C-alpha atoms as a PDB file:
ATOM      1  CA  MET A   1       6.914  20.922   6.224  1.00  0.00           C
ATOM      2  CA  ALA A   2       3.965  23.238   6.889  1.00  0.00           C
ATOM      3  CA  LEU A   3       1.571  21.688   4.369  1.00  0.00           C
ATOM      4  CA  THR A   4      -2.062  20.831   4.918  1.00  0.00           C
ATOM      5  CA  PHE A   5      -2.712  17.227   3.976  1.00  0.00           C
ATOM      6  CA  GLY A   6      -6.110  16.182   2.674  1.00  0.00           C
ATOM      7  CA  VAL A   7      -7.426  12.659   2.294  1.00  0.00           C
ATOM      8  CA  ILE A   8     -10.375  11.713   0.124  1.00  0.00           C
ATOM      9  CA  GLY A   9     -11.282   8.186   1.200  1.00  0.00           C
ATOM     10  CA  VAL A  10     -10.203   6.874   4.611  1.00  0.00           C
ATOM     11  CA  GLY A  11     -11.086   3.219   4.108  1.00  0.00           C
ATOM     12  CA  ASN A  12      -8.632   0.349   4.562  1.00  0.00           C
ATOM     13  CA  MET A  13      -5.715   1.755   2.587  1.00  0.00           C
ATOM     14  CA  GLY A  14      -6.307   5.480   2.992  1.00  0.00           C
ATOM     15  CA  GLY A  15      -6.912   4.898   6.680  1.00  0.00           C
ATOM     16  CA  ALA A  16      -3.753   2.796   7.032  1.00  0.00           C
ATOM     17  CA  ILE A  17      -1.625   5.526   5.467  1.00  0.00           C
ATOM     18  CA  LEU A  18      -3.193   8.282   7.533  1.00  0.00           C
ATOM     19  CA  LYS A  19      -3.097   6.401  10.855  1.00  0.00           C
ATOM     20  CA  GLY A  20       0.467   5.262  10.247  1.00  0.00           C
ATOM     21  CA  ALA A  21       1.619   8.788   9.431  1.00  0.00           C
ATOM     22  CA  LEU A  22      -0.107  10.182  12.515  1.00  0.00           C
ATOM     23  CA  ASP A  23       1.391   7.494  14.749  1.00  0.00           C
ATOM     24  CA  ALA A  24       4.836   8.089  13.237  1.00  0.00           C
ATOM     25  CA  GLY A  25       4.563  11.799  13.906  1.00  0.00           C
ATOM     26  CA  VAL A  26       5.000  12.747  10.249  1.00  0.00           C
ATOM     27  CA  LEU A  27       1.574  14.394  10.210  1.00  0.00           C
ATOM     28  CA  ARG A  28      -0.073  16.472  12.915  1.00  0.00           C
ATOM     29  CA  THR A  29      -3.804  16.146  13.414  1.00  0.00           C
ATOM     30  CA  ASP A  30      -4.199  19.926  13.022  1.00  0.00           C
ATOM     31  CA  ASP A  31      -2.682  19.716   9.529  1.00  0.00           C
ATOM     32  CA  VAL A  32      -5.041  17.011   8.222  1.00  0.00           C
ATOM     33  CA  ILE A  33      -8.527  17.232   6.733  1.00  0.00           C
ATOM     34  CA  VAL A  34     -10.413  14.217   5.401  1.00  0.00           C
ATOM     35  CA  TYR A  35     -13.681  13.102   3.865  1.00  0.00           C
ATOM     36  CA  ASP A  36     -15.259   9.728   3.170  1.00  0.00           C
ATOM     37  CA  ILE A  37     -18.731   8.903   1.897  1.00  0.00           C
ATOM     38  CA  LEU A  38     -19.184   6.330   4.674  1.00  0.00           C
ATOM     39  CA  PRO A  39     -20.247   7.677   8.083  1.00  0.00           C
ATOM     40  CA  GLU A  40     -18.287   4.983   9.916  1.00  0.00           C
ATOM     41  CA  ALA A  41     -15.087   5.959   8.103  1.00  0.00           C
ATOM     42  CA  ARG A  42     -15.637   9.618   8.982  1.00  0.00           C
ATOM     43  CA  ALA A  43     -16.233   8.648  12.603  1.00  0.00           C
ATOM     44  CA  LYS A  44     -13.030   6.630  12.682  1.00  0.00           C
ATOM     45  CA  ALA A  45     -11.040   9.588  11.350  1.00  0.00           C
ATOM     46  CA  ALA A  46     -12.673  11.918  13.870  1.00  0.00           C
ATOM     47  CA  ASP A  47     -11.566   9.576  16.658  1.00  0.00           C
ATOM     48  CA  TRP A  48      -7.981  10.045  15.439  1.00  0.00           C
ATOM     49  CA  GLY A  49      -8.343  13.776  16.011  1.00  0.00           C
ATOM     50  CA  VAL A  50      -8.225  15.038  12.422  1.00  0.00           C
ATOM     51  CA  ARG A  51     -10.674  17.474  10.879  1.00  0.00           C
ATOM     52  CA  VAL A  52     -13.553  15.869   9.002  1.00  0.00           C
ATOM     53  CA  ALA A  53     -14.936  17.826   6.044  1.00  0.00           C
ATOM     54  CA  ASP A  54     -18.501  17.886   4.789  1.00  0.00           C
ATOM     55  CA  ASP A  55     -17.520  16.861   1.248  1.00  0.00           C
ATOM     56  CA  ASP A  56     -14.646  16.321  -1.203  1.00  0.00           C
ATOM     57  CA  ASP A  57     -14.744  19.948  -2.299  1.00  0.00           C
ATOM     58  CA  GLU A  58     -13.939  21.155   1.212  1.00  0.00           C
ATOM     59  CA  VAL A  59     -10.927  18.826   1.422  1.00  0.00           C
ATOM     60  CA  ALA A  60      -9.609  20.029  -1.940  1.00  0.00           C
ATOM     61  CA  ALA A  61     -10.158  23.674  -1.043  1.00  0.00           C
ATOM     62  CA  GLN A  62      -8.307  23.526   2.278  1.00  0.00           C
ATOM     63  CA  ALA A  63      -5.461  21.115   1.539  1.00  0.00           C
ATOM     64  CA  ASP A  64      -2.139  21.768  -0.201  1.00  0.00           C
ATOM     65  CA  VAL A  65      -1.578  18.092  -0.986  1.00  0.00           C
ATOM     66  CA  VAL A  66      -4.533  15.725  -1.461  1.00  0.00           C
ATOM     67  CA  LEU A  67      -4.390  11.935  -1.242  1.00  0.00           C
ATOM     68  CA  LEU A  68      -7.036  10.259  -3.411  1.00  0.00           C
ATOM     69  CA  ALA A  69      -7.702   6.875  -1.793  1.00  0.00           C
ATOM     70  CA  VAL A  70     -11.010   5.693  -3.245  1.00  0.00           C
ATOM     71  CA  LYS A  71     -11.931   2.627  -5.257  1.00  0.00           C
ATOM     72  CA  PRO A  72     -11.229   2.920  -9.009  1.00  0.00           C
ATOM     73  CA  GLN A  73     -14.937   2.959  -9.868  1.00  0.00           C
ATOM     74  CA  ASN A  74     -15.467   5.933  -7.532  1.00  0.00           C
ATOM     75  CA  ALA A  75     -12.493   8.048  -8.572  1.00  0.00           C
ATOM     76  CA  GLN A  76     -14.151  10.074 -11.324  1.00  0.00           C
ATOM     77  CA  GLU A  77     -17.132  10.967  -9.139  1.00  0.00           C
ATOM     78  CA  ALA A  78     -14.897  11.975  -6.216  1.00  0.00           C
ATOM     79  CA  LEU A  79     -12.798  14.261  -8.427  1.00  0.00           C
ATOM     80  CA  ALA A  80     -15.921  15.756  -9.981  1.00  0.00           C
ATOM     81  CA  GLN A  81     -17.209  16.580  -6.506  1.00  0.00           C
ATOM     82  CA  ALA A  82     -13.895  18.237  -5.668  1.00  0.00           C
ATOM     83  CA  GLY A  83     -14.433  20.451  -8.715  1.00  0.00           C
ATOM     84  CA  SER A  84     -12.127  23.355  -9.449  1.00  0.00           C
ATOM     85  CA  ALA A  85     -10.868  23.409  -5.838  1.00  0.00           C
ATOM     86  CA  LEU A  86      -8.102  21.011  -6.893  1.00  0.00           C
ATOM     87  CA  ALA A  87      -6.735  23.441  -9.478  1.00  0.00           C
ATOM     88  CA  GLY A  88      -3.140  24.326  -8.738  1.00  0.00           C
ATOM     89  CA  LYS A  89      -2.894  21.659  -6.038  1.00  0.00           C
ATOM     90  CA  ALA A  90      -0.796  18.498  -5.694  1.00  0.00           C
ATOM     91  CA  LEU A  91      -2.691  15.203  -6.012  1.00  0.00           C
ATOM     92  CA  LEU A  92      -1.337  11.898  -4.700  1.00  0.00           C
ATOM     93  CA  SER A  93      -3.354   8.999  -6.101  1.00  0.00           C
ATOM     94  CA  ILE A  94      -3.341   5.399  -4.909  1.00  0.00           C
ATOM     95  CA  VAL A  95      -6.190   4.498  -7.261  1.00  0.00           C
ATOM     96  CA  ALA A  96      -5.147   1.297  -9.015  1.00  0.00           C
ATOM     97  CA  GLY A  97      -5.247   1.209 -12.796  1.00  0.00           C
ATOM     98  CA  VAL A  98      -6.120   4.881 -13.329  1.00  0.00           C
ATOM     99  CA  GLY A  99      -3.279   6.736 -15.034  1.00  0.00           C
ATOM    100  CA  SER A 100      -2.223  10.333 -14.543  1.00  0.00           C
ATOM    101  CA  ASP A 101      -3.710  11.462 -17.849  1.00  0.00           C
ATOM    102  CA  ARG A 102      -7.145  10.067 -16.956  1.00  0.00           C
ATOM    103  CA  LEU A 103      -6.986  11.684 -13.536  1.00  0.00           C
ATOM    104  CA  ARG A 104      -6.136  15.062 -15.042  1.00  0.00           C
ATOM    105  CA  GLY A 105      -8.985  14.677 -17.518  1.00  0.00           C
ATOM    106  CA  TRP A 106     -11.447  14.298 -14.640  1.00  0.00           C
ATOM    107  CA  ILE A 107     -10.285  17.467 -12.870  1.00  0.00           C
ATOM    108  CA  ASP A 108     -11.537  20.979 -13.555  1.00  0.00           C
ATOM    109  CA  GLY A 109      -8.248  22.884 -13.885  1.00  0.00           C
ATOM    110  CA  ASP A 110      -4.531  22.111 -13.874  1.00  0.00           C
ATOM    111  CA  VAL A 111      -3.275  19.818 -11.127  1.00  0.00           C
ATOM    112  CA  ARG A 112       0.076  18.221 -10.339  1.00  0.00           C
ATOM    113  CA  VAL A 113      -0.185  14.417 -10.099  1.00  0.00           C
ATOM    114  CA  LEU A 114       1.961  11.745  -8.474  1.00  0.00           C
ATOM    115  CA  ARG A 115       0.624   8.198  -8.609  1.00  0.00           C
ATOM    116  CA  LEU A 116       1.745   5.577  -6.133  1.00  0.00           C
ATOM    117  CA  LEU A 117       0.944   2.039  -5.054  1.00  0.00           C
ATOM    118  CA  PRO A 118       1.034   1.324  -1.303  1.00  0.00           C
ATOM    119  CA  ASN A 119       0.172  -1.709   0.772  1.00  0.00           C
ATOM    120  CA  THR A 120      -1.516  -2.281   4.122  1.00  0.00           C
ATOM    121  CA  PRO A 121       1.598  -3.066   6.241  1.00  0.00           C
ATOM    122  CA  ALA A 122       2.001   0.727   6.290  1.00  0.00           C
ATOM    123  CA  LEU A 123      -0.209   0.515   9.374  1.00  0.00           C
ATOM    124  CA  VAL A 124       2.708  -1.036  11.293  1.00  0.00           C
ATOM    125  CA  PHE A 125       5.410   1.057   9.574  1.00  0.00           C
ATOM    126  CA  GLU A 126       6.427  -1.795   7.256  1.00  0.00           C
ATOM    127  CA  GLY A 127       4.723  -0.714   4.048  1.00  0.00           C
ATOM    128  CA  ALA A 128       6.064  -1.042   0.521  1.00  0.00           C
ATOM    129  CA  PHE A 129       5.451   2.084  -1.565  1.00  0.00           C
ATOM    130  CA  ALA A 130       6.151   2.488  -5.264  1.00  0.00           C
ATOM    131  CA  LEU A 131       5.966   6.146  -6.340  1.00  0.00           C
ATOM    132  CA  SER A 132       5.808   7.163  -9.973  1.00  0.00           C
ATOM    133  CA  SER A 133       8.980   8.859 -11.160  1.00  0.00           C
ATOM    134  CA  ASP A 134       6.849  10.362 -13.958  1.00  0.00           C
ATOM    135  CA  ASN A 135       5.302  13.155 -11.931  1.00  0.00           C
ATOM    136  CA  ASP A 136       5.146  16.948 -12.046  1.00  0.00           C
ATOM    137  CA  PHE A 137       5.242  17.660  -8.308  1.00  0.00           C
ATOM    138  CA  THR A 138       7.446  20.507  -7.183  1.00  0.00           C
ATOM    139  CA  GLN A 139      10.638  19.509  -5.405  1.00  0.00           C
ATOM    140  CA  SER A 140       9.183  20.446  -2.026  1.00  0.00           C
ATOM    141  CA  GLU A 141       6.057  18.365  -2.739  1.00  0.00           C
ATOM    142  CA  ARG A 142       8.176  15.370  -3.791  1.00  0.00           C
ATOM    143  CA  ASP A 143      10.221  15.755  -0.624  1.00  0.00           C
ATOM    144  CA  PHE A 144       7.016  15.848   1.424  1.00  0.00           C
ATOM    145  CA  ALA A 145       5.685  12.673  -0.243  1.00  0.00           C
ATOM    146  CA  THR A 146       9.004  10.856   0.123  1.00  0.00           C
ATOM    147  CA  GLU A 147       9.290  11.800   3.809  1.00  0.00           C
ATOM    148  CA  LEU A 148       5.687  10.793   4.436  1.00  0.00           C
ATOM    149  CA  PHE A 149       5.953   7.324   2.956  1.00  0.00           C
ATOM    150  CA  LYS A 150       9.487   6.570   4.154  1.00  0.00           C
ATOM    151  CA  ALA A 151       8.149   6.954   7.676  1.00  0.00           C
ATOM    152  CA  LEU A 152       5.743   4.116   6.888  1.00  0.00           C
ATOM    153  CA  GLY A 153       8.055   1.689   5.105  1.00  0.00           C
ATOM    154  CA  VAL A 154      10.190   1.301   1.995  1.00  0.00           C
ATOM    155  CA  VAL A 155       9.907   3.745  -0.907  1.00  0.00           C
ATOM    156  CA  GLU A 156      10.867   2.942  -4.495  1.00  0.00           C
ATOM    157  CA  PHE A 157      10.471   5.259  -7.488  1.00  0.00           C
ATOM    158  CA  VAL A 158       9.463   3.497 -10.714  1.00  0.00           C
ATOM    159  CA  PRO A 159       8.143   4.694 -14.101  1.00  0.00           C
ATOM    160  CA  GLU A 160       4.365   4.990 -14.100  1.00  0.00           C
ATOM    161  CA  HIS A 161       3.907   2.209 -16.642  1.00  0.00           C
ATOM    162  CA  LEU A 162       5.326  -0.256 -14.078  1.00  0.00           C
ATOM    163  CA  LEU A 163       2.751   0.562 -11.388  1.00  0.00           C
ATOM    164  CA  ASP A 164       0.460  -2.190 -12.701  1.00  0.00           C
ATOM    165  CA  ALA A 165       3.243  -4.679 -11.976  1.00  0.00           C
ATOM    166  CA  VAL A 166       3.623  -3.199  -8.495  1.00  0.00           C
ATOM    167  CA  CYS A 167      -0.129  -3.582  -7.976  1.00  0.00           C
ATOM    168  CA  GLY A 168       0.168  -7.279  -8.764  1.00  0.00           C
ATOM    169  CA  LEU A 169       3.229  -7.706  -6.563  1.00  0.00           C
ATOM    170  CA  SER A 170       3.374  -5.692  -3.345  1.00  0.00           C
ATOM    171  CA  GLY A 171      -0.171  -4.355  -3.657  1.00  0.00           C
ATOM    172  CA  GLY A 172      -1.819  -7.766  -3.506  1.00  0.00           C
ATOM    173  CA  ALA A 173       0.913  -9.745  -1.780  1.00  0.00           C
ATOM    174  CA  PRO A 174      -0.215  -9.053   1.815  1.00  0.00           C
ATOM    175  CA  ALA A 175      -3.211 -11.267   1.020  1.00  0.00           C
ATOM    176  CA  TYR A 176      -0.980 -13.978  -0.459  1.00  0.00           C
ATOM    177  CA  VAL A 177       1.445 -13.846   2.473  1.00  0.00           C
ATOM    178  CA  ALA A 178      -1.467 -14.039   4.914  1.00  0.00           C
ATOM    179  CA  MET A 179      -2.776 -17.090   3.051  1.00  0.00           C
ATOM    180  CA  PHE A 180       0.703 -18.653   3.221  1.00  0.00           C
ATOM    181  CA  ILE A 181       0.927 -17.999   6.975  1.00  0.00           C
ATOM    182  CA  GLU A 182      -2.520 -19.513   7.463  1.00  0.00           C
ATOM    183  CA  ALA A 183      -1.570 -22.575   5.423  1.00  0.00           C
ATOM    184  CA  MET A 184       1.701 -22.978   7.337  1.00  0.00           C
ATOM    185  CA  ALA A 185      -0.201 -22.795  10.609  1.00  0.00           C
ATOM    186  CA  ASP A 186      -2.718 -25.362   9.366  1.00  0.00           C
ATOM    187  CA  GLY A 187       0.161 -27.720   8.685  1.00  0.00           C
ATOM    188  CA  GLY A 188       1.475 -27.175  12.186  1.00  0.00           C
ATOM    189  CA  VAL A 189      -1.964 -27.778  13.676  1.00  0.00           C
ATOM    190  CA  GLN A 190      -2.263 -30.998  11.673  1.00  0.00           C
ATOM    191  CA  GLN A 191       0.957 -32.087  13.323  1.00  0.00           C
ATOM    192  CA  GLY A 192      -0.321 -31.278  16.804  1.00  0.00           C
ATOM    193  CA  LEU A 193       0.611 -27.644  17.508  1.00  0.00           C
ATOM    194  CA  PRO A 194      -1.946 -25.407  19.243  1.00  0.00           C
ATOM    195  CA  ARG A 195      -3.513 -22.965  16.770  1.00  0.00           C
ATOM    196  CA  ALA A 196      -2.262 -19.784  18.491  1.00  0.00           C
ATOM    197  CA  VAL A 197       1.286 -21.135  18.712  1.00  0.00           C
ATOM    198  CA  ALA A 198       1.232 -22.173  15.056  1.00  0.00           C
ATOM    199  CA  TYR A 199       0.088 -18.705  13.947  1.00  0.00           C
ATOM    200  CA  ARG A 200       2.798 -16.948  15.953  1.00  0.00           C
ATOM    201  CA  LEU A 201       5.562 -19.243  14.722  1.00  0.00           C
ATOM    202  CA  ALA A 202       4.427 -18.991  11.096  1.00  0.00           C
ATOM    203  CA  ALA A 203       4.039 -15.186  11.126  1.00  0.00           C
ATOM    204  CA  GLN A 204       7.340 -14.605  12.931  1.00  0.00           C
ATOM    205  CA  THR A 205       9.125 -16.912  10.497  1.00  0.00           C
ATOM    206  CA  CYS A 206       7.886 -14.872   7.534  1.00  0.00           C
ATOM    207  CA  LEU A 207       8.785 -11.604   9.257  1.00  0.00           C
ATOM    208  CA  GLY A 208      12.247 -12.838  10.248  1.00  0.00           C
ATOM    209  CA  THR A 209      13.045 -14.279   6.830  1.00  0.00           C
ATOM    210  CA  ALA A 210      12.082 -11.012   5.143  1.00  0.00           C
ATOM    211  CA  LYS A 211      14.320  -9.037   7.537  1.00  0.00           C
ATOM    212  CA  LEU A 212      17.166 -11.485   6.942  1.00  0.00           C
ATOM    213  CA  ILE A 213      16.945 -10.940   3.184  1.00  0.00           C
ATOM    214  CA  LEU A 214      16.613  -7.157   3.426  1.00  0.00           C
ATOM    215  CA  GLU A 215      19.077  -6.397   6.222  1.00  0.00           C
ATOM    216  CA  ARG A 216      21.771  -8.896   5.211  1.00  0.00           C
ATOM    217  CA  GLY A 217      21.318  -8.259   1.503  1.00  0.00           C
ATOM    218  CA  LEU A 218      20.816 -11.957   0.842  1.00  0.00           C
ATOM    219  CA  HIS A 219      19.480 -13.393  -2.374  1.00  0.00           C
ATOM    220  CA  PRO A 220      16.292 -15.329  -1.531  1.00  0.00           C
ATOM    221  CA  GLY A 221      18.006 -18.460  -2.810  1.00  0.00           C
ATOM    222  CA  GLU A 222      20.757 -17.965  -0.249  1.00  0.00           C
ATOM    223  CA  ALA A 223      18.224 -17.693   2.555  1.00  0.00           C
ATOM    224  CA  LYS A 224      16.650 -20.930   1.327  1.00  0.00           C
ATOM    225  CA  ASP A 225      19.974 -22.715   1.098  1.00  0.00           C
ATOM    226  CA  MET A 226      20.918 -21.702   4.661  1.00  0.00           C
ATOM    227  CA  VAL A 227      18.295 -24.114   6.008  1.00  0.00           C
ATOM    228  CA  THR A 228      18.252 -26.723   3.244  1.00  0.00           C
ATOM    229  CA  SER A 229      20.684 -29.428   4.370  1.00  0.00           C
ATOM    230  CA  PRO A 230      21.441 -32.469   2.198  1.00  0.00           C
ATOM    231  CA  ALA A 231      18.871 -35.206   2.773  1.00  0.00           C
ATOM    232  CA  GLY A 232      17.286 -33.097   5.530  1.00  0.00           C
ATOM    233  CA  THR A 233      13.748 -32.178   6.512  1.00  0.00           C
ATOM    234  CA  THR A 234      13.614 -28.825   4.691  1.00  0.00           C
ATOM    235  CA  ILE A 235      14.539 -30.197   1.271  1.00  0.00           C
ATOM    236  CA  GLU A 236      11.683 -32.673   1.682  1.00  0.00           C
ATOM    237  CA  GLY A 237       9.334 -29.726   2.209  1.00  0.00           C
ATOM    238  CA  VAL A 238      10.851 -27.815  -0.717  1.00  0.00           C
ATOM    239  CA  ALA A 239      10.310 -30.815  -2.971  1.00  0.00           C
ATOM    240  CA  ALA A 240       6.686 -31.040  -1.823  1.00  0.00           C
ATOM    241  CA  LEU A 241       6.146 -27.353  -2.671  1.00  0.00           C
ATOM    242  CA  GLU A 242       7.690 -27.825  -6.102  1.00  0.00           C
ATOM    243  CA  ARG A 243       5.474 -30.853  -6.789  1.00  0.00           C
ATOM    244  CA  GLY A 244       2.484 -28.686  -5.891  1.00  0.00           C
ATOM    245  CA  GLY A 245       3.506 -25.979  -8.365  1.00  0.00           C
ATOM    246  CA  PHE A 246       4.180 -23.446  -5.594  1.00  0.00           C
ATOM    247  CA  ARG A 247       6.414 -21.065  -7.534  1.00  0.00           C
ATOM    248  CA  GLY A 248       4.287 -21.183 -10.654  1.00  0.00           C
ATOM    249  CA  ALA A 249       1.126 -20.486  -8.644  1.00  0.00           C
ATOM    250  CA  VAL A 250       2.719 -17.450  -6.985  1.00  0.00           C
ATOM    251  CA  ILE A 251       3.968 -16.098 -10.315  1.00  0.00           C
ATOM    252  CA  ASP A 252       0.512 -16.604 -11.807  1.00  0.00           C
ATOM    253  CA  ALA A 253      -1.056 -14.688  -8.894  1.00  0.00           C
ATOM    254  CA  ILE A 254       1.250 -11.697  -9.429  1.00  0.00           C
ATOM    255  CA  ILE A 255       0.575 -11.683 -13.173  1.00  0.00           C
ATOM    256  CA  ALA A 256      -3.186 -12.003 -12.631  1.00  0.00           C
ATOM    257  CA  GLY A 257      -3.198  -9.010 -10.302  1.00  0.00           C
ATOM    258  CA  ALA A 258      -1.083  -6.908 -12.664  1.00  0.00           C
ATOM    259  CA  GLU A 259      -3.253  -7.759 -15.664  1.00  0.00           C
ATOM    260  CA  LYS A 260      -6.410  -6.892 -13.744  1.00  0.00           C
ATOM    261  CA  SER A 261      -4.856  -3.526 -12.839  1.00  0.00           C
ATOM    262  CA  LYS A 262      -4.217  -2.864 -16.532  1.00  0.00           C
ATOM    263  CA  ARG A 263      -7.881  -3.568 -17.321  1.00  0.00           C
ATOM    264  CA  LEU A 264      -9.279  -1.159 -14.709  1.00  0.00           C
END
């Protein structure tokens, strides 16, 4: 679609979405304009070949669809700087914990809003995106957003009130999975494996197990049972995880992230 795409904030997440979309061919560099308050972020975007604006107002004025990808504490200031240039435009917001009504209240003029929660694996086309089904985008704008994010991973539409839960789950989970991979590798190193080998085996095992569940439609319990033989090595490891409160700790982490999102 011939839409100009603007990005306000090209840090870790905004940058991951933009770079992934450019690499996937969903966006052309000529159709993108961005701004970030940090010079190094602007320089990074310039290296990708996109236009770099002088401020948020220029992005809002020139773009048809604007992605707001700033930290929650900076969202109101960024929208104030955009001013009335956002009026009549479509705003995609990945700002955690800031609802559509608050966003509209910070904008000078009417704007169409679609909130979403992404995650960083978008950079390698394996992102998980939850888009709010409670949005007032036009059909063509919804189609544009769906096409954009499907090129970068999996897209699910959920009611806006569930985005805090998504923030706790797929939003924060890349950190938890990375910690799990690191811990798995540490165990392998303790048992004599070289560090680089342990990292590759641990990361590939997580990647492969996820693909097995998604592509075969397996229940996670089925995937577990496939390698958990009676009186075998895996059930010993499962028992050790259960003694350590593994499941409860993971559930607590998801809840903690979701509750923090609600408080933002």
